[in-house]
Structures are given as structure tokens and as C-alpha cells.
Amino acid sequence: MGSFSIWHWLIVLVVVIAIFGTKKLRNVGSDLGAAVKGFKDGVKDGGTADDPQVPPQQVTANKVNDPNTVDVDAKTKS
């Protein structure tokens, strides 16, 4: 009772094919294969320690008294 025989699996396969059809199952299989391939490529490309990705540094402008610039220091109300 704990394991299924080959006849159980064949009946399940026939029922799944009858419900979904072979075309939809073929599409699901190809989509799953493409997803696995994409995952493997992503793991392979992202796992290199020789070329660490450094984020670009923030570009700061020269301090110019521009009337449109807001000072970031908080002012207290008196």
C-alpha cells in the first residue's frame, strides 16, 4: 500500500493525457526545460568570483549656491 506499481502510474498517465491533451503537456515540458536551462545559465554566470560586480559610484556635483537646491540639514523651529 505504501508504493505504487507500474499499473498505477500508467493509469495516472492516461488520465493526465485525457484531461490535458498531448499538445499542452508538450508545451509544459518545453517551458519547464527552458526554465531549467535559464536557471543553470544564471547560476553559472552569477557565480564567478574572479569578476566581482562593483556598483557605480554616486556622482556628486560641485557645491554651487543654486536657488533650486534644497539644503539637506534639518532646521529646528524656534
Protein backbone atom coordinates (compact mmCIF):
# COMPACT_ATOMS: atom_id res chain seq x y z
CA MET A 1 0.00 0.00 0.00
CA GLY A 2 2.97 2.30 0.50
CA SER A 3 4.29 2.14 -3.07
CA PHE A 4 2.64 2.34 -6.44
CA SER A 5 3.11 -0.32 -9.08
CA ILE A 6 3.68 0.35 -12.77
CA TRP A 7 -0.05 -0.13 -13.43
CA HIS A 8 -0.95 2.69 -11.05
CA TRP A 9 1.46 5.06 -12.83
CA LEU A 10 0.15 4.05 -16.27
CA ILE A 11 -3.44 4.78 -15.18
CA VAL A 12 -2.38 8.17 -13.80
CA LEU A 13 -0.56 8.93 -17.07
CA VAL A 14 -3.62 8.02 -19.17
CA VAL A 15 -5.87 10.21 -17.01
CA VAL A 16 -3.47 13.19 -17.23
CA ILE A 17 -3.22 12.82 -21.02
CA ALA A 18 -7.01 12.57 -21.28
CA ILE A 19 -7.51 15.74 -19.23
CA PHE A 20 -4.78 17.99 -20.62
CA GLY A 21 -4.01 16.53 -24.04
CA THR A 22 -0.61 15.86 -25.56
CA LYS A 23 -0.13 19.34 -27.05
CA LYS A 24 -0.50 21.13 -23.71
CA LEU A 25 1.78 18.60 -21.99
CA ARG A 26 4.41 19.11 -24.72
CA ASN A 27 4.25 22.89 -24.19
CA VAL A 28 4.58 22.49 -20.43
CA GLY A 29 7.60 20.22 -20.92
CA SER A 30 9.36 22.65 -23.25
CA ASP A 31 8.63 25.59 -20.93
CA LEU A 32 10.00 23.66 -17.98
CA GLY A 33 13.13 22.73 -19.94
CA ALA A 34 13.71 26.37 -20.95
CA ALA A 35 13.27 27.49 -17.35
CA VAL A 36 15.80 24.94 -16.08
CA LYS A 37 18.29 25.95 -18.79
CA GLY A 38 17.87 29.63 -17.91
CA PHE A 39 18.37 28.88 -14.23
CA LYS A 40 21.57 26.92 -14.92
CA ASP A 41 22.92 29.72 -17.13
CA GLY A 42 22.11 32.28 -14.44
CA VAL A 43 23.85 30.27 -11.74
CA LYS A 44 26.89 29.73 -13.96
CA ASP A 45 27.16 33.42 -14.94
CA GLY A 46 26.45 34.83 -11.49
CA GLY A 47 28.80 32.56 -9.57
CA THR A 48 32.13 33.86 -10.82
CA ALA A 49 34.33 35.27 -8.06
CA ASP A 50 37.02 36.45 -10.50
CA ASP A 51 34.94 39.38 -11.75
CA PRO A 52 33.10 40.93 -8.81
CA GLN A 53 30.48 43.44 -9.81
CA VAL A 54 31.10 46.82 -8.22
CA PRO A 55 28.16 49.21 -8.27
CA PRO A 56 28.84 52.59 -9.87
CA GLN A 57 29.77 55.39 -7.52
CA GLN A 58 27.36 58.24 -6.92
CA VAL A 59 28.18 61.32 -8.94
CA THR A 60 28.20 64.48 -6.86
CA ALA A 61 28.13 67.95 -8.32
CA ASN A 62 30.25 70.82 -7.13
CA LYS A 63 28.69 72.81 -4.33
CA VAL A 64 27.10 75.76 -6.05
CA ASN A 65 24.56 78.05 -4.46
CA ASP A 66 21.74 77.18 -6.78
CA PRO A 67 18.34 78.63 -5.77
CA ASN A 68 16.66 75.35 -6.77
CA THR A 69 18.85 73.24 -4.48
CA VAL A 70 17.44 72.35 -1.08
CA ASP A 71 19.82 72.10 1.85
CA VAL A 72 19.64 68.69 3.48
CA ASP A 73 20.37 69.90 7.01
CA ALA A 74 17.24 69.94 9.15
CA LYS A 75 16.38 73.26 10.71
CA THR A 76 14.70 73.47 14.08
CA LYS A 77 11.72 75.71 14.66
CA SER A 78 12.24 78.38 17.27
